[in-house]
């Protein structure tokens, strides 16, 4: 089973139920992360990374990212996804700190 089939058959309904609130929305695959886009501009890369899903509060504040792999995905694919999630989260934390954080 490929990743898209797995996500839509098993994960979509569960994640929509968990993460759908009045202040938050879930954005599915193929949308470039805004924090990845910011990093891309500073590093002169051609394109940013795209998570399988991301959760936004407000209009554009990303705070949860997801990389979903089917049960039989090889370990190297899963390990790459974990690194990718770490990069997304670092960018998100940096961005949220810049907008809402306190710096003495």
PDB file of N, CA and C in Angstrom:
ATOM      1  N   UNK A   1       0.853  -1.177   0.000  1.00  0.00           N
ATOM      2  CA  UNK A   1       0.000   0.000   0.000  1.00  0.00           C
ATOM      3  C   UNK A   1       0.898   1.239   0.000  1.00  0.00           C
ATOM      4  N   UNK A   2       0.620   2.190  -0.880  1.00  0.00           N
ATOM      5  CA  UNK A   2       1.436   3.393  -0.935  1.00  0.00           C
ATOM      6  C   UNK A   2       1.003   4.387   0.146  1.00  0.00           C
ATOM      7  N   UNK A   3       1.803   5.422   0.318  1.00  0.00           N
ATOM      8  CA  UNK A   3       1.590   6.390   1.400  1.00  0.00           C
ATOM      9  C   UNK A   3       0.258   7.118   1.290  1.00  0.00           C
ATOM     10  N   UNK A   4      -0.092   7.609   0.096  1.00  0.00           N
ATOM     11  CA  UNK A   4      -1.352   8.347  -0.070  1.00  0.00           C
ATOM     12  C   UNK A   4      -2.566   7.494   0.274  1.00  0.00           C
ATOM     13  N   UNK A   5      -2.571   6.261  -0.193  1.00  0.00           N
ATOM     14  CA  UNK A   5      -3.682   5.353   0.108  1.00  0.00           C
ATOM     15  C   UNK A   5      -3.776   5.116   1.610  1.00  0.00           C
ATOM     16  N   UNK A   6      -2.651   4.872   2.241  1.00  0.00           N
ATOM     17  CA  UNK A   6      -2.632   4.637   3.682  1.00  0.00           C
ATOM     18  C   UNK A   6      -3.172   5.846   4.442  1.00  0.00           C
ATOM     19  N   UNK A   7      -2.719   7.039   4.076  1.00  0.00           N
ATOM     20  CA  UNK A   7      -3.162   8.262   4.757  1.00  0.00           C
ATOM     21  C   UNK A   7      -4.664   8.444   4.611  1.00  0.00           C
ATOM     22  N   UNK A   8      -5.165   8.349   3.399  1.00  0.00           N
ATOM     23  CA  UNK A   8      -6.586   8.627   3.182  1.00  0.00           C
ATOM     24  C   UNK A   8      -7.492   7.513   3.693  1.00  0.00           C
ATOM     25  N   UNK A   9      -7.015   6.297   3.676  1.00  0.00           N
ATOM     26  CA  UNK A   9      -7.851   5.192   4.141  1.00  0.00           C
ATOM     27  C   UNK A   9      -7.890   5.099   5.665  1.00  0.00           C
ATOM     28  N   UNK A  10      -6.750   5.346   6.329  1.00  0.00           N
ATOM     29  CA  UNK A  10      -6.662   5.091   7.768  1.00  0.00           C
ATOM     30  C   UNK A  10      -6.430   6.326   8.638  1.00  0.00           C
ATOM     31  N   UNK A  11      -5.720   7.307   8.157  1.00  0.00           N
ATOM     32  CA  UNK A  11      -5.281   8.403   9.026  1.00  0.00           C
ATOM     33  C   UNK A  11      -6.129   9.665   8.930  1.00  0.00           C
ATOM     34  N   UNK A  12      -6.665   9.940   7.763  1.00  0.00           N
ATOM     35  CA  UNK A  12      -7.353  11.198   7.525  1.00  0.00           C
ATOM     36  C   UNK A  12      -8.460  11.471   8.547  1.00  0.00           C
ATOM     37  N   UNK A  13      -9.383  10.559   8.712  1.00  0.00           N
ATOM     38  CA  UNK A  13     -10.523  10.765   9.610  1.00  0.00           C
ATOM     39  C   UNK A  13     -10.083  10.954  11.050  1.00  0.00           C
ATOM     40  N   UNK A  14      -9.116  10.155  11.477  1.00  0.00           N
ATOM     41  CA  UNK A  14      -8.641  10.243  12.855  1.00  0.00           C
ATOM     42  C   UNK A  14      -8.000  11.606  13.116  1.00  0.00           C
ATOM     43  N   UNK A  15      -7.115  12.034  12.216  1.00  0.00           N
ATOM     44  CA  UNK A  15      -6.426  13.308  12.410  1.00  0.00           C
ATOM     45  C   UNK A  15      -7.380  14.493  12.310  1.00  0.00           C
ATOM     46  N   UNK A  16      -8.336  14.432  11.415  1.00  0.00           N
ATOM     47  CA  UNK A  16      -9.328  15.500  11.310  1.00  0.00           C
ATOM     48  C   UNK A  16     -10.111  15.627  12.612  1.00  0.00           C
ATOM     49  N   UNK A  17     -10.472  14.500  13.206  1.00  0.00           N
ATOM     50  CA  UNK A  17     -11.228  14.510  14.454  1.00  0.00           C
ATOM     51  C   UNK A  17     -10.396  15.075  15.600  1.00  0.00           C
ATOM     52  N   UNK A  18      -9.139  14.704  15.677  1.00  0.00           N
ATOM     53  CA  UNK A  18      -8.276  15.156  16.767  1.00  0.00           C
ATOM     54  C   UNK A  18      -7.920  16.629  16.639  1.00  0.00           C
ATOM     55  N   UNK A  19      -7.576  17.066  15.440  1.00  0.00           N
ATOM     56  CA  UNK A  19      -6.998  18.391  15.267  1.00  0.00           C
ATOM     57  C   UNK A  19      -7.943  19.467  14.743  1.00  0.00           C
ATOM     58  N   UNK A  20      -9.207  19.165  14.533  1.00  0.00           N
ATOM     59  CA  UNK A  20     -10.125  20.186  14.034  1.00  0.00           C
ATOM     60  C   UNK A  20     -10.774  20.926  15.202  1.00  0.00           C
ATOM     61  N   UNK A  21     -10.452  22.197  15.329  1.00  0.00           N
ATOM     62  CA  UNK A  21     -11.078  23.065  16.317  1.00  0.00           C
ATOM     63  C   UNK A  21     -11.370  24.396  15.651  1.00  0.00           C
ATOM     64  N   UNK A  22     -12.046  25.268  16.377  1.00  0.00           N
ATOM     65  CA  UNK A  22     -12.411  26.568  15.807  1.00  0.00           C
ATOM     66  C   UNK A  22     -11.181  27.412  15.483  1.00  0.00           C
ATOM     67  N   UNK A  23     -10.132  27.311  16.295  1.00  0.00           N
ATOM     68  CA  UNK A  23      -8.947  28.150  16.110  1.00  0.00           C
ATOM     69  C   UNK A  23      -7.848  27.498  15.276  1.00  0.00           C
ATOM     70  N   UNK A  24      -8.012  26.221  14.982  1.00  0.00           N
ATOM     71  CA  UNK A  24      -6.949  25.485  14.290  1.00  0.00           C
ATOM     72  C   UNK A  24      -7.488  24.817  13.034  1.00  0.00           C
ATOM     73  N   UNK A  25      -6.591  24.564  12.110  1.00  0.00           N
ATOM     74  CA  UNK A  25      -6.985  23.794  10.930  1.00  0.00           C
ATOM     75  C   UNK A  25      -5.820  22.934  10.480  1.00  0.00           C
ATOM     76  N   UNK A  26      -6.179  21.812   9.900  1.00  0.00           N
ATOM     77  CA  UNK A  26      -5.176  20.887   9.388  1.00  0.00           C
ATOM     78  C   UNK A  26      -5.031  21.119   7.885  1.00  0.00           C
ATOM     79  N   UNK A  27      -3.790  21.186   7.430  1.00  0.00           N
ATOM     80  CA  UNK A  27      -3.495  21.382   6.012  1.00  0.00           C
ATOM     81  C   UNK A  27      -2.780  20.135   5.533  1.00  0.00           C
ATOM     82  N   UNK A  28      -3.335  19.492   4.511  1.00  0.00           N
ATOM     83  CA  UNK A  28      -2.785  18.222   4.038  1.00  0.00           C
ATOM     84  C   UNK A  28      -1.646  18.427   3.056  1.00  0.00           C
ATOM     85  N   UNK A  29      -1.116  17.362   2.578  1.00  0.00           N
ATOM     86  CA  UNK A  29       0.115  17.278   1.778  1.00  0.00           C
ATOM     87  C   UNK A  29       0.193  18.300   0.649  1.00  0.00           C
ATOM     88  N   UNK A  30       1.427  18.482   0.221  1.00  0.00           N
ATOM     89  CA  UNK A  30       1.778  19.306  -0.932  1.00  0.00           C
ATOM     90  C   UNK A  30       1.719  20.802  -0.678  1.00  0.00           C
ATOM     91  N   UNK A  31       1.546  21.202   0.567  1.00  0.00           N
ATOM     92  CA  UNK A  31       1.650  22.615   0.895  1.00  0.00           C
ATOM     93  C   UNK A  31       3.008  22.875   1.530  1.00  0.00           C
ATOM     94  N   UNK A  32       3.741  23.805   0.975  1.00  0.00           N
ATOM     95  CA  UNK A  32       5.062  24.107   1.516  1.00  0.00           C
ATOM     96  C   UNK A  32       4.915  24.763   2.886  1.00  0.00           C
ATOM     97  N   UNK A  33       5.683  24.307   3.822  1.00  0.00           N
ATOM     98  CA  UNK A  33       5.675  24.874   5.165  1.00  0.00           C
ATOM     99  C   UNK A  33       6.177  26.318   5.108  1.00  0.00           C
ATOM    100  N   UNK A  34       5.496  27.230   5.806  1.00  0.00           N
ATOM    101  CA  UNK A  34       5.924  28.631   5.784  1.00  0.00           C
ATOM    102  C   UNK A  34       7.276  28.801   6.474  1.00  0.00           C
ATOM    103  N   UNK A  35       7.540  28.013   7.519  1.00  0.00           N
ATOM    104  CA  UNK A  35       8.853  28.107   8.167  1.00  0.00           C
ATOM    105  C   UNK A  35       9.946  27.554   7.261  1.00  0.00           C
ATOM    106  N   UNK A  36       9.621  26.527   6.486  1.00  0.00           N
ATOM    107  CA  UNK A  36      10.577  25.998   5.521  1.00  0.00           C
ATOM    108  C   UNK A  36      10.816  27.033   4.414  1.00  0.00           C
ATOM    109  N   UNK A  37       9.772  27.735   4.057  1.00  0.00           N
ATOM    110  CA  UNK A  37       9.887  28.776   3.033  1.00  0.00           C
ATOM    111  C   UNK A  37      10.810  29.905   3.522  1.00  0.00           C
ATOM    112  N   UNK A  38      10.676  30.289   4.796  1.00  0.00           N
ATOM    113  CA  UNK A  38      11.550  31.323   5.363  1.00  0.00           C
ATOM    114  C   UNK A  38      13.007  30.878   5.334  1.00  0.00           C
ATOM    115  N   UNK A  39      13.249  29.632   5.733  1.00  0.00           N
ATOM    116  CA  UNK A  39      14.617  29.100   5.729  1.00  0.00           C
ATOM    117  C   UNK A  39      15.164  29.048   4.306  1.00  0.00           C
ATOM    118  N   UNK A  40      14.315  28.654   3.357  1.00  0.00           N
ATOM    119  CA  UNK A  40      14.732  28.556   1.951  1.00  0.00           C
ATOM    120  C   UNK A  40      15.217  29.909   1.449  1.00  0.00           C
ATOM    121  N   UNK A  41      14.492  30.968   1.792  1.00  0.00           N
ATOM    122  CA  UNK A  41      14.881  32.305   1.343  1.00  0.00           C
ATOM    123  C   UNK A  41      16.240  32.707   1.912  1.00  0.00           C
ATOM    124  N   UNK A  42      16.501  32.335   3.156  1.00  0.00           N
ATOM    125  CA  UNK A  42      17.777  32.718   3.765  1.00  0.00           C
ATOM    126  C   UNK A  42      18.932  31.848   3.280  1.00  0.00           C
ATOM    127  N   UNK A  43      18.648  30.622   2.824  1.00  0.00           N
ATOM    128  CA  UNK A  43      19.699  29.706   2.372  1.00  0.00           C
ATOM    129  C   UNK A  43      19.848  29.655   0.852  1.00  0.00           C
ATOM    130  N   UNK A  44      19.070  30.415   0.128  1.00  0.00           N
ATOM    131  CA  UNK A  44      19.083  30.432  -1.337  1.00  0.00           C
ATOM    132  C   UNK A  44      18.758  29.076  -1.956  1.00  0.00           C
ATOM    133  N   UNK A  45      17.934  28.279  -1.277  1.00  0.00           N
ATOM    134  CA  UNK A  45      17.470  27.022  -1.858  1.00  0.00           C
ATOM    135  C   UNK A  45      16.325  27.301  -2.817  1.00  0.00           C
ATOM    136  N   UNK A  46      16.111  26.406  -3.756  1.00  0.00           N
ATOM    137  CA  UNK A  46      15.075  26.603  -4.767  1.00  0.00           C
ATOM    138  C   UNK A  46      13.667  26.330  -4.241  1.00  0.00           C
ATOM    139  N   UNK A  47      13.528  25.395  -3.312  1.00  0.00           N
ATOM    140  CA  UNK A  47      12.196  25.073  -2.801  1.00  0.00           C
ATOM    141  C   UNK A  47      12.288  24.601  -1.356  1.00  0.00           C
ATOM    142  N   UNK A  48      11.186  24.802  -0.635  1.00  0.00           N
ATOM    143  CA  UNK A  48      11.130  24.373   0.754  1.00  0.00           C
ATOM    144  C   UNK A  48      10.602  22.954   0.855  1.00  0.00           C
ATOM    145  N   UNK A  49      10.489  22.474   2.061  1.00  0.00           N
ATOM    146  CA  UNK A  49      10.000  21.115   2.303  1.00  0.00           C
ATOM    147  C   UNK A  49       8.499  21.120   2.506  1.00  0.00           C
ATOM    148  N   UNK A  50       7.899  19.980   2.208  1.00  0.00           N
ATOM    149  CA  UNK A  50       6.452  19.831   2.308  1.00  0.00           C
ATOM    150  C   UNK A  50       6.127  18.652   3.221  1.00  0.00           C
ATOM    151  N   UNK A  51       5.550  18.925   4.395  1.00  0.00           N
ATOM    152  CA  UNK A  51       5.164  17.812   5.266  1.00  0.00           C
ATOM    153  C   UNK A  51       3.907  17.128   4.741  1.00  0.00           C
ATOM    154  N   UNK A  52       3.626  15.922   5.244  1.00  0.00           N
ATOM    155  CA  UNK A  52       2.390  15.228   4.859  1.00  0.00           C
ATOM    156  C   UNK A  52       1.175  15.979   5.388  1.00  0.00           C
ATOM    157  N   UNK A  53       1.291  16.562   6.570  1.00  0.00           N
ATOM    158  CA  UNK A  53       0.263  17.477   7.057  1.00  0.00           C
ATOM    159  C   UNK A  53       0.897  18.439   8.047  1.00  0.00           C
ATOM    160  N   UNK A  54       0.216  19.550   8.254  1.00  0.00           N
ATOM    161  CA  UNK A  54       0.639  20.523   9.252  1.00  0.00           C
ATOM    162  C   UNK A  54      -0.598  21.129   9.890  1.00  0.00           C
ATOM    163  N   UNK A  55      -0.472  21.496  11.131  1.00  0.00           N
ATOM    164  CA  UNK A  55      -1.574  22.089  11.881  1.00  0.00           C
ATOM    165  C   UNK A  55      -1.264  23.565  12.083  1.00  0.00           C
ATOM    166  N   UNK A  56      -2.247  24.401  11.794  1.00  0.00           N
ATOM    167  CA  UNK A  56      -2.081  25.847  11.926  1.00  0.00           C
ATOM    168  C   UNK A  56      -3.020  26.375  12.999  1.00  0.00           C
ATOM    169  N   UNK A  57      -2.551  27.347  13.774  1.00  0.00           N
ATOM    170  CA  UNK A  57      -3.472  28.122  14.586  1.00  0.00           C
ATOM    171  C   UNK A  57      -3.381  29.543  14.091  1.00  0.00           C
ATOM    172  N   UNK A  58      -4.490  30.233  14.150  1.00  0.00           N
ATOM    173  CA  UNK A  58      -4.549  31.518  13.477  1.00  0.00           C
ATOM    174  C   UNK A  58      -4.517  31.247  11.981  1.00  0.00           C
ATOM    175  N   UNK A  59      -4.008  32.171  11.243  1.00  0.00           N
ATOM    176  CA  UNK A  59      -3.971  31.999   9.789  1.00  0.00           C
ATOM    177  C   UNK A  59      -2.736  31.263   9.295  1.00  0.00           C
ATOM    178  N   UNK A  60      -1.594  31.476   9.983  1.00  0.00           N
ATOM    179  CA  UNK A  60      -0.362  30.923   9.419  1.00  0.00           C
ATOM    180  C   UNK A  60       0.661  30.449  10.435  1.00  0.00           C
ATOM    181  N   UNK A  61       0.267  30.264  11.681  1.00  0.00           N
ATOM    182  CA  UNK A  61       1.208  29.830  12.710  1.00  0.00           C
ATOM    183  C   UNK A  61       1.238  28.310  12.783  1.00  0.00           C
ATOM    184  N   UNK A  62       2.286  27.725  12.269  1.00  0.00           N
ATOM    185  CA  UNK A  62       2.426  26.266  12.229  1.00  0.00           C
ATOM    186  C   UNK A  62       2.966  25.774  13.566  1.00  0.00           C
ATOM    187  N   UNK A  63       2.332  24.730  14.106  1.00  0.00           N
ATOM    188  CA  UNK A  63       2.849  24.217  15.366  1.00  0.00           C
ATOM    189  C   UNK A  63       2.875  22.697  15.455  1.00  0.00           C
ATOM    190  N   UNK A  64       2.280  21.993  14.525  1.00  0.00           N
ATOM    191  CA  UNK A  64       2.373  20.539  14.468  1.00  0.00           C
ATOM    192  C   UNK A  64       2.626  20.139  13.022  1.00  0.00           C
ATOM    193  N   UNK A  65       3.526  19.188  12.845  1.00  0.00           N
ATOM    194  CA  UNK A  65       3.812  18.650  11.519  1.00  0.00           C
ATOM    195  C   UNK A  65       3.688  17.147  11.576  1.00  0.00           C
ATOM    196  N   UNK A  66       3.363  16.542  10.461  1.00  0.00           N
ATOM    197  CA  UNK A  66       3.259  15.087  10.413  1.00  0.00           C
ATOM    198  C   UNK A  66       3.869  14.522   9.153  1.00  0.00           C
ATOM    199  N   UNK A  67       4.566  13.441   9.330  1.00  0.00           N
ATOM    200  CA  UNK A  67       5.096  12.621   8.237  1.00  0.00           C
ATOM    201  C   UNK A  67       4.535  11.230   8.477  1.00  0.00           C
ATOM    202  N   UNK A  68       3.694  10.768   7.602  1.00  0.00           N
ATOM    203  CA  UNK A  68       3.033   9.478   7.776  1.00  0.00           C
ATOM    204  C   UNK A  68       3.612   8.479   6.784  1.00  0.00           C
ATOM    205  N   UNK A  69       3.985   7.340   7.303  1.00  0.00           N
ATOM    206  CA  UNK A  69       4.519   6.265   6.462  1.00  0.00           C
ATOM    207  C   UNK A  69       3.679   5.013   6.665  1.00  0.00           C
ATOM    208  N   UNK A  70       3.464   4.248   5.617  1.00  0.00           N
ATOM    209  CA  UNK A  70       2.708   3.000   5.764  1.00  0.00           C
ATOM    210  C   UNK A  70       3.452   2.013   6.660  1.00  0.00           C
ATOM    211  N   UNK A  71       2.739   1.050   7.224  1.00  0.00           N
ATOM    212  CA  UNK A  71       3.348   0.122   8.190  1.00  0.00           C
ATOM    213  C   UNK A  71       4.589  -0.615   7.679  1.00  0.00           C
ATOM    214  N   UNK A  72       4.686  -0.892   6.423  1.00  0.00           N
ATOM    215  CA  UNK A  72       5.809  -1.675   5.910  1.00  0.00           C
ATOM    216  C   UNK A  72       6.915  -0.812   5.288  1.00  0.00           C
ATOM    217  N   UNK A  73       6.955   0.464   5.641  1.00  0.00           N
ATOM    218  CA  UNK A  73       7.996   1.352   5.105  1.00  0.00           C
ATOM    219  C   UNK A  73       9.357   0.941   5.663  1.00  0.00           C
ATOM    220  N   UNK A  74      10.410   0.981   4.824  1.00  0.00           N
ATOM    221  CA  UNK A  74      11.751   0.626   5.292  1.00  0.00           C
ATOM    222  C   UNK A  74      12.249   1.599   6.369  1.00  0.00           C
ATOM    223  N   UNK A  75      13.134   1.139   7.221  1.00  0.00           N
ATOM    224  CA  UNK A  75      13.658   1.962   8.314  1.00  0.00           C
ATOM    225  C   UNK A  75      14.344   3.232   7.840  1.00  0.00           C
ATOM    226  N   UNK A  76      15.065   3.165   6.719  1.00  0.00           N
ATOM    227  CA  UNK A  76      15.753   4.368   6.261  1.00  0.00           C
ATOM    228  C   UNK A  76      14.764   5.464   5.867  1.00  0.00           C
ATOM    229  N   UNK A  77      13.595   5.084   5.368  1.00  0.00           N
ATOM    230  CA  UNK A  77      12.554   6.065   5.023  1.00  0.00           C
ATOM    231  C   UNK A  77      11.993   6.687   6.295  1.00  0.00           C
ATOM    232  N   UNK A  78      11.762   5.870   7.294  1.00  0.00           N
ATOM    233  CA  UNK A  78      11.244   6.364   8.567  1.00  0.00           C
ATOM    234  C   UNK A  78      12.259   7.276   9.239  1.00  0.00           C
ATOM    235  N   UNK A  79      13.529   6.897   9.230  1.00  0.00           N
ATOM    236  CA  UNK A  79      14.565   7.734   9.832  1.00  0.00           C
ATOM    237  C   UNK A  79      14.672   9.078   9.128  1.00  0.00           C
ATOM    238  N   UNK A  80      14.580   9.089   7.820  1.00  0.00           N
ATOM    239  CA  UNK A  80      14.608  10.340   7.059  1.00  0.00           C
ATOM    240  C   UNK A  80      13.414  11.216   7.441  1.00  0.00           C
ATOM    241  N   UNK A  81      12.247  10.608   7.631  1.00  0.00           N
ATOM    242  CA  UNK A  81      11.051  11.358   8.011  1.00  0.00           C
ATOM    243  C   UNK A  81      11.217  11.987   9.396  1.00  0.00           C
ATOM    244  N   UNK A  82      11.872  11.294  10.317  1.00  0.00           N
ATOM    245  CA  UNK A  82      12.095  11.848  11.656  1.00  0.00           C
ATOM    246  C   UNK A  82      13.026  13.064  11.605  1.00  0.00           C
ATOM    247  N   UNK A  83      14.059  12.996  10.790  1.00  0.00           N
ATOM    248  CA  UNK A  83      14.948  14.142  10.619  1.00  0.00           C
ATOM    249  C   UNK A  83      14.178  15.306  10.013  1.00  0.00           C
ATOM    250  N   UNK A  84      13.367  15.026   9.016  1.00  0.00           N
ATOM    251  CA  UNK A  84      12.554  16.052   8.361  1.00  0.00           C
ATOM    252  C   UNK A  84      11.623  16.718   9.377  1.00  0.00           C
ATOM    253  N   UNK A  85      10.986  15.930  10.246  1.00  0.00           N
ATOM    254  CA  UNK A  85      10.111  16.491  11.280  1.00  0.00           C
ATOM    255  C   UNK A  85      10.890  17.397  12.234  1.00  0.00           C
ATOM    256  N   UNK A  86      12.094  16.986  12.597  1.00  0.00           N
ATOM    257  CA  UNK A  86      12.922  17.811  13.470  1.00  0.00           C
ATOM    258  C   UNK A  86      13.240  19.162  12.843  1.00  0.00           C
ATOM    259  N   UNK A  87      13.514  19.170  11.565  1.00  0.00           N
ATOM    260  CA  UNK A  87      13.808  20.418  10.850  1.00  0.00           C
ATOM    261  C   UNK A  87      12.568  21.307  10.816  1.00  0.00           C
ATOM    262  N   UNK A  88      11.403  20.709  10.536  1.00  0.00           N
ATOM    263  CA  UNK A  88      10.153  21.492  10.557  1.00  0.00           C
ATOM    264  C   UNK A  88       9.911  22.110  11.931  1.00  0.00           C
ATOM    265  N   UNK A  89      10.075  21.302  12.978  1.00  0.00           N
ATOM    266  CA  UNK A  89       9.787  21.788  14.326  1.00  0.00           C
ATOM    267  C   UNK A  89      10.756  22.886  14.753  1.00  0.00           C
ATOM    268  N   UNK A  90      12.024  22.773  14.399  1.00  0.00           N
ATOM    269  CA  UNK A  90      12.971  23.823  14.746  1.00  0.00           C
ATOM    270  C   UNK A  90      12.583  25.137  14.082  1.00  0.00           C
ATOM    271  N   UNK A  91      12.235  25.069  12.801  1.00  0.00           N
ATOM    272  CA  UNK A  91      11.812  26.272  12.099  1.00  0.00           C
ATOM    273  C   UNK A  91      10.557  26.866  12.706  1.00  0.00           C
ATOM    274  N   UNK A  92       9.620  26.006  13.077  1.00  0.00           N
ATOM    275  CA  UNK A  92       8.378  26.470  13.684  1.00  0.00           C
ATOM    276  C   UNK A  92       8.630  27.133  15.033  1.00  0.00           C
ATOM    277  N   UNK A  93       9.429  26.503  15.869  1.00  0.00           N
ATOM    278  CA  UNK A  93       9.739  27.091  17.179  1.00  0.00           C
ATOM    279  C   UNK A  93      10.461  28.430  17.030  1.00  0.00           C
ATOM    280  N   UNK A  94      11.399  28.507  16.102  1.00  0.00           N
ATOM    281  CA  UNK A  94      12.093  29.778  15.862  1.00  0.00           C
ATOM    282  C   UNK A  94      11.113  30.861  15.428  1.00  0.00           C
ATOM    283  N   UNK A  95      10.217  30.514  14.519  1.00  0.00           N
ATOM    284  CA  UNK A  95       9.235  31.467  14.019  1.00  0.00           C
ATOM    285  C   UNK A  95       8.260  31.902  15.115  1.00  0.00           C
ATOM    286  N   UNK A  96       7.757  30.951  15.891  1.00  0.00           N
ATOM    287  CA  UNK A  96       6.825  31.286  16.973  1.00  0.00           C
ATOM    288  C   UNK A  96       7.514  32.117  18.053  1.00  0.00           C
ATOM    289  N   UNK A  97       8.766  31.805  18.334  1.00  0.00           N
ATOM    290  CA  UNK A  97       9.500  32.601  19.316  1.00  0.00           C
ATOM    291  C   UNK A  97       9.685  34.024  18.819  1.00  0.00           C
ATOM    292  N   UNK A  98       9.981  34.176  17.549  1.00  0.00           N
ATOM    293  CA  UNK A  98      10.152  35.507  16.968  1.00  0.00           C
ATOM    294  C   UNK A  98       8.851  36.321  17.064  1.00  0.00           C
ATOM    295  N   UNK A  99       7.703  35.659  16.850  1.00  0.00           N
ATOM    296  CA  UNK A  99       6.419  36.360  16.868  1.00  0.00           C
ATOM    297  C   UNK A  99       5.880  36.594  18.274  1.00  0.00           C
ATOM    298  N   UNK A 100       6.007  35.578  19.150  1.00  0.00           N
ATOM    299  CA  UNK A 100       5.315  35.626  20.436  1.00  0.00           C
ATOM    300  C   UNK A 100       6.238  35.534  21.649  1.00  0.00           C
ATOM    301  N   UNK A 101       7.493  35.203  21.451  1.00  0.00           N
ATOM    302  CA  UNK A 101       8.389  34.912  22.566  1.00  0.00           C
ATOM    303  C   UNK A 101       8.936  36.140  23.244  1.00  0.00           C
ATOM    304  N   UNK A 102       9.546  35.887  24.356  1.00  0.00           N
ATOM    305  CA  UNK A 102      10.180  36.941  25.143  1.00  0.00           C
ATOM    306  C   UNK A 102      11.680  36.784  25.045  1.00  0.00           C
ATOM    307  N   UNK A 103      12.357  37.837  24.694  1.00  0.00           N
ATOM    308  CA  UNK A 103      13.817  37.842  24.667  1.00  0.00           C
ATOM    309  C   UNK A 103      14.297  39.010  25.514  1.00  0.00           C
ATOM    310  N   UNK A 104      15.069  38.740  26.567  1.00  0.00           N
ATOM    311  CA  UNK A 104      15.541  39.825  27.449  1.00  0.00           C
ATOM    312  C   UNK A 104      16.507  40.755  26.755  1.00  0.00           C
TER     313      UNK A 104
END
